[in-house]
């Protein structure tokens, strides 16, 4: 996800939380928020993959 975001320069919008809309703020704070959101979402996806693999082994 992180690679896709950086290569495609995609924006992220979390529907439930307007502060996580990376389309609007392109200043320093908006860029920092975008990086935090992408990093957090990447972590969640990777953690979920590992969890699913562990469940398949059991």
C-alpha atoms as a PDB file:
ATOM      1  CA  UNK A   1       0.000   0.000   0.000  1.00  0.00           C
ATOM      2  CA  UNK A   2       2.771   2.398   0.904  1.00  0.00           C
ATOM      3  CA  UNK A   3       4.561   1.788  -2.402  1.00  0.00           C
ATOM      4  CA  UNK A   4       1.342   2.226  -4.381  1.00  0.00           C
ATOM      5  CA  UNK A   5       0.561   5.480  -2.607  1.00  0.00           C
ATOM      6  CA  UNK A   6       4.008   6.935  -3.268  1.00  0.00           C
ATOM      7  CA  UNK A   7       4.324   5.809  -6.899  1.00  0.00           C
ATOM      8  CA  UNK A   8       0.777   6.685  -7.945  1.00  0.00           C
ATOM      9  CA  UNK A   9       0.527   9.758  -5.684  1.00  0.00           C
ATOM     10  CA  UNK A  10      -2.963   8.654  -4.691  1.00  0.00           C
ATOM     11  CA  UNK A  11      -5.033  10.430  -2.076  1.00  0.00           C
ATOM     12  CA  UNK A  12      -6.849   8.742   0.781  1.00  0.00           C
ATOM     13  CA  UNK A  13     -10.272   9.591   2.130  1.00  0.00           C
ATOM     14  CA  UNK A  14     -11.668   7.892   5.207  1.00  0.00           C
ATOM     15  CA  UNK A  15     -15.399   8.426   4.915  1.00  0.00           C
ATOM     16  CA  UNK A  16     -16.147   8.287   8.645  1.00  0.00           C
ATOM     17  CA  UNK A  17     -13.376  10.704   9.612  1.00  0.00           C
ATOM     18  CA  UNK A  18     -13.035  13.909   7.640  1.00  0.00           C
ATOM     19  CA  UNK A  19      -9.636  14.749   9.164  1.00  0.00           C
ATOM     20  CA  UNK A  20      -8.218  11.732   7.325  1.00  0.00           C
ATOM     21  CA  UNK A  21      -9.060  13.157   3.892  1.00  0.00           C
ATOM     22  CA  UNK A  22      -5.674  13.682   2.237  1.00  0.00           C
ATOM     23  CA  UNK A  23      -7.152  15.335  -0.849  1.00  0.00           C
ATOM     24  CA  UNK A  24      -7.673  18.733   0.741  1.00  0.00           C
ATOM     25  CA  UNK A  25      -4.589  19.646   2.782  1.00  0.00           C
ATOM     26  CA  UNK A  26      -1.437  19.775   0.675  1.00  0.00           C
ATOM     27  CA  UNK A  27       0.587  21.911   3.098  1.00  0.00           C
ATOM     28  CA  UNK A  28       3.194  20.629   5.568  1.00  0.00           C
ATOM     29  CA  UNK A  29       0.604  19.473   8.114  1.00  0.00           C
ATOM     30  CA  UNK A  30      -1.500  17.754   5.451  1.00  0.00           C
ATOM     31  CA  UNK A  31       1.531  15.970   4.056  1.00  0.00           C
ATOM     32  CA  UNK A  32       2.527  14.823   7.541  1.00  0.00           C
ATOM     33  CA  UNK A  33      -1.009  13.567   8.204  1.00  0.00           C
ATOM     34  CA  UNK A  34      -0.976  11.709   4.895  1.00  0.00           C
ATOM     35  CA  UNK A  35       2.290   9.980   5.774  1.00  0.00           C
ATOM     36  CA  UNK A  36       0.944   9.018   9.198  1.00  0.00           C
ATOM     37  CA  UNK A  37      -2.284   7.637   7.754  1.00  0.00           C
ATOM     38  CA  UNK A  38      -0.475   5.649   5.063  1.00  0.00           C
ATOM     39  CA  UNK A  39       2.022   4.275   7.570  1.00  0.00           C
ATOM     40  CA  UNK A  40      -0.752   3.291   9.978  1.00  0.00           C
ATOM     41  CA  UNK A  41      -2.863   1.642   7.288  1.00  0.00           C
ATOM     42  CA  UNK A  42       0.172  -0.209   5.929  1.00  0.00           C
ATOM     43  CA  UNK A  43       0.901  -1.518   9.430  1.00  0.00           C
ATOM     44  CA  UNK A  44      -2.689  -2.694   9.869  1.00  0.00           C
ATOM     45  CA  UNK A  45      -2.666  -4.508   6.514  1.00  0.00           C
ATOM     46  CA  UNK A  46       0.670  -6.216   7.220  1.00  0.00           C
ATOM     47  CA  UNK A  47      -0.404  -7.177  10.722  1.00  0.00           C
ATOM     48  CA  UNK A  48      -3.652  -8.618   9.377  1.00  0.00           C
ATOM     49  CA  UNK A  49      -1.750 -10.659   6.755  1.00  0.00           C
ATOM     50  CA  UNK A  50       0.479 -12.153   9.439  1.00  0.00           C
ATOM     51  CA  UNK A  51      -2.530 -12.929  11.610  1.00  0.00           C
ATOM     52  CA  UNK A  52      -4.323 -14.672   8.740  1.00  0.00           C
ATOM     53  CA  UNK A  53      -1.215 -16.735   7.943  1.00  0.00           C
ATOM     54  CA  UNK A  54      -0.945 -17.800  11.566  1.00  0.00           C
ATOM     55  CA  UNK A  55      -4.580 -18.884  11.577  1.00  0.00           C
ATOM     56  CA  UNK A  56      -4.051 -20.970   8.426  1.00  0.00           C
ATOM     57  CA  UNK A  57      -1.173 -22.850  10.078  1.00  0.00           C
ATOM     58  CA  UNK A  58      -3.303 -23.904  13.035  1.00  0.00           C
END
